[in-house]
Amino acid sequence: MSIGEVKAALSAAVNAARAGQGVFDRAVAKAEAATTAAEAVFHGSRHEEVAATRQALVAARAEVEPTRRRFDATMHRTAEYLTRLG
């Protein structure tokens, strides 16, 4: 594989990560809207399934920022490597 091919593959990887981040952000927005609607329905409930669902939603929400950071780090590090390649 030539340097040019490596650079093209890395550029494609950055573009794919950027597109993936966009898909992820749209999914998060939809999940947040669904969570808000669910919380309105669940309000005041003490049912164990509702409690389990709330815990699952909290756990999912806790993964959003780490996942965004991984997308950002991937794009940043790959772009840095591309810069070093010239």
C-alpha atoms as a PDB file:
ATOM      1  CA  MET A   1       0.000   0.000   0.000  1.00  0.00           C
ATOM      2  CA  SER A   2       1.397   3.387  -0.976  1.00  0.00           C
ATOM      3  CA  ILE A   3       1.434   6.492   1.230  1.00  0.00           C
ATOM      4  CA  GLY A   4      -1.247   7.973  -1.001  1.00  0.00           C
ATOM      5  CA  GLU A   5      -3.459   4.932  -0.467  1.00  0.00           C
ATOM      6  CA  VAL A   6      -2.887   5.075   3.292  1.00  0.00           C
ATOM      7  CA  LYS A   7      -3.806   8.756   3.328  1.00  0.00           C
ATOM      8  CA  ALA A   8      -6.948   8.082   1.279  1.00  0.00           C
ATOM      9  CA  ALA A   9      -7.962   5.273   3.644  1.00  0.00           C
ATOM     10  CA  LEU A  10      -7.373   7.484   6.685  1.00  0.00           C
ATOM     11  CA  SER A  11      -9.368  10.326   5.136  1.00  0.00           C
ATOM     12  CA  ALA A  12     -12.194   7.898   4.450  1.00  0.00           C
ATOM     13  CA  ALA A  13     -12.003   6.753   8.082  1.00  0.00           C
ATOM     14  CA  VAL A  14     -12.310  10.340   9.331  1.00  0.00           C
ATOM     15  CA  ASN A  15     -15.305  10.895   7.046  1.00  0.00           C
ATOM     16  CA  ALA A  16     -16.910   7.662   8.241  1.00  0.00           C
ATOM     17  CA  ALA A  17     -16.364   8.647  11.881  1.00  0.00           C
ATOM     18  CA  ARG A  18     -17.875  12.078  11.209  1.00  0.00           C
ATOM     19  CA  ALA A  19     -20.911  10.465   9.564  1.00  0.00           C
ATOM     20  CA  GLY A  20     -21.183   7.978  12.428  1.00  0.00           C
ATOM     21  CA  GLN A  21     -21.097  10.798  14.929  1.00  0.00           C
ATOM     22  CA  GLY A  22     -23.946  12.498  13.084  1.00  0.00           C
ATOM     23  CA  VAL A  23     -26.025   9.318  13.157  1.00  0.00           C
ATOM     24  CA  PHE A  24     -25.219   8.878  16.844  1.00  0.00           C
ATOM     25  CA  ASP A  25     -26.211  12.465  17.655  1.00  0.00           C
ATOM     26  CA  ARG A  26     -29.548  12.050  15.848  1.00  0.00           C
ATOM     27  CA  ALA A  27     -30.188   8.784  17.696  1.00  0.00           C
ATOM     28  CA  VAL A  28     -29.394  10.472  21.015  1.00  0.00           C
ATOM     29  CA  ALA A  29     -31.834  13.293  20.249  1.00  0.00           C
ATOM     30  CA  LYS A  30     -34.586  10.784  19.474  1.00  0.00           C
ATOM     31  CA  ALA A  31     -33.769   8.730  22.577  1.00  0.00           C
ATOM     32  CA  GLU A  32     -33.855  11.851  24.756  1.00  0.00           C
ATOM     33  CA  ALA A  33     -37.275  12.780  23.371  1.00  0.00           C
ATOM     34  CA  ALA A  34     -38.550   9.233  23.972  1.00  0.00           C
ATOM     35  CA  THR A  35     -37.100   9.266  27.488  1.00  0.00           C
ATOM     36  CA  THR A  36     -38.879  12.525  28.275  1.00  0.00           C
ATOM     37  CA  ALA A  37     -42.150  11.045  27.034  1.00  0.00           C
ATOM     38  CA  ALA A  38     -41.571   7.850  29.023  1.00  0.00           C
ATOM     39  CA  GLU A  39     -40.831   9.802  32.186  1.00  0.00           C
ATOM     40  CA  ALA A  40     -44.164  11.590  31.798  1.00  0.00           C
ATOM     41  CA  VAL A  41     -45.917   8.230  31.560  1.00  0.00           C
ATOM     42  CA  PHE A  42     -43.903   6.694  34.405  1.00  0.00           C
ATOM     43  CA  HIS A  43     -44.382   9.658  36.747  1.00  0.00           C
ATOM     44  CA  GLY A  44     -45.252   8.466  40.209  1.00  0.00           C
ATOM     45  CA  SER A  45     -45.022   4.777  39.389  1.00  0.00           C
ATOM     46  CA  ARG A  46     -43.279   2.448  41.811  1.00  0.00           C
ATOM     47  CA  HIS A  47     -43.656  -0.679  39.669  1.00  0.00           C
ATOM     48  CA  GLU A  48     -40.441  -2.702  39.557  1.00  0.00           C
ATOM     49  CA  GLU A  49     -40.438  -2.819  35.739  1.00  0.00           C
ATOM     50  CA  VAL A  50     -40.654   0.968  35.653  1.00  0.00           C
ATOM     51  CA  ALA A  51     -37.759   1.190  38.109  1.00  0.00           C
ATOM     52  CA  ALA A  52     -35.709  -1.206  35.975  1.00  0.00           C
ATOM     53  CA  THR A  53     -36.514   0.829  32.873  1.00  0.00           C
ATOM     54  CA  ARG A  54     -35.458   4.037  34.610  1.00  0.00           C
ATOM     55  CA  GLN A  55     -32.158   2.422  35.605  1.00  0.00           C
ATOM     56  CA  ALA A  56     -31.573   1.277  32.025  1.00  0.00           C
ATOM     57  CA  LEU A  57     -32.269   4.784  30.731  1.00  0.00           C
ATOM     58  CA  VAL A  58     -29.850   6.292  33.248  1.00  0.00           C
ATOM     59  CA  ALA A  59     -27.176   3.763  32.247  1.00  0.00           C
ATOM     60  CA  ALA A  60     -27.712   4.513  28.554  1.00  0.00           C
ATOM     61  CA  ARG A  61     -27.561   8.271  29.178  1.00  0.00           C
ATOM     62  CA  ALA A  62     -24.248   7.804  31.019  1.00  0.00           C
ATOM     63  CA  GLU A  63     -22.711   6.331  27.851  1.00  0.00           C
ATOM     64  CA  VAL A  64     -23.545   9.288  25.605  1.00  0.00           C
ATOM     65  CA  GLU A  65     -20.646  11.606  26.466  1.00  0.00           C
ATOM     66  CA  PRO A  66     -17.979   8.872  26.564  1.00  0.00           C
ATOM     67  CA  THR A  67     -19.141   7.745  23.129  1.00  0.00           C
ATOM     68  CA  ARG A  68     -19.004  11.305  21.787  1.00  0.00           C
ATOM     69  CA  ARG A  69     -15.478  11.635  23.184  1.00  0.00           C
ATOM     70  CA  ARG A  70     -14.461   8.412  21.416  1.00  0.00           C
ATOM     71  CA  PHE A  71     -15.753   9.744  18.085  1.00  0.00           C
ATOM     72  CA  ASP A  72     -13.915  13.045  18.645  1.00  0.00           C
ATOM     73  CA  ALA A  73     -10.688  11.314  19.682  1.00  0.00           C
ATOM     74  CA  THR A  74     -10.795   9.001  16.681  1.00  0.00           C
ATOM     75  CA  MET A  75     -11.213  11.881  14.261  1.00  0.00           C
ATOM     76  CA  HIS A  76      -8.598  14.030  16.003  1.00  0.00           C
ATOM     77  CA  ARG A  77      -5.937  11.340  16.222  1.00  0.00           C
ATOM     78  CA  THR A  78      -6.487  10.180  12.669  1.00  0.00           C
ATOM     79  CA  ALA A  79      -6.295  13.770  11.395  1.00  0.00           C
ATOM     80  CA  GLU A  80      -3.054  14.265  13.363  1.00  0.00           C
ATOM     81  CA  TYR A  81      -1.586  11.143  11.796  1.00  0.00           C
ATOM     82  CA  LEU A  82      -2.611  12.355   8.342  1.00  0.00           C
ATOM     83  CA  THR A  83      -0.851  15.641   9.035  1.00  0.00           C
ATOM     84  CA  ARG A  84       2.324  13.806  10.025  1.00  0.00           C
ATOM     85  CA  LEU A  85       2.218  11.820   6.801  1.00  0.00           C
ATOM     86  CA  GLY A  86       2.260  15.102   4.916  1.00  0.00           C
END
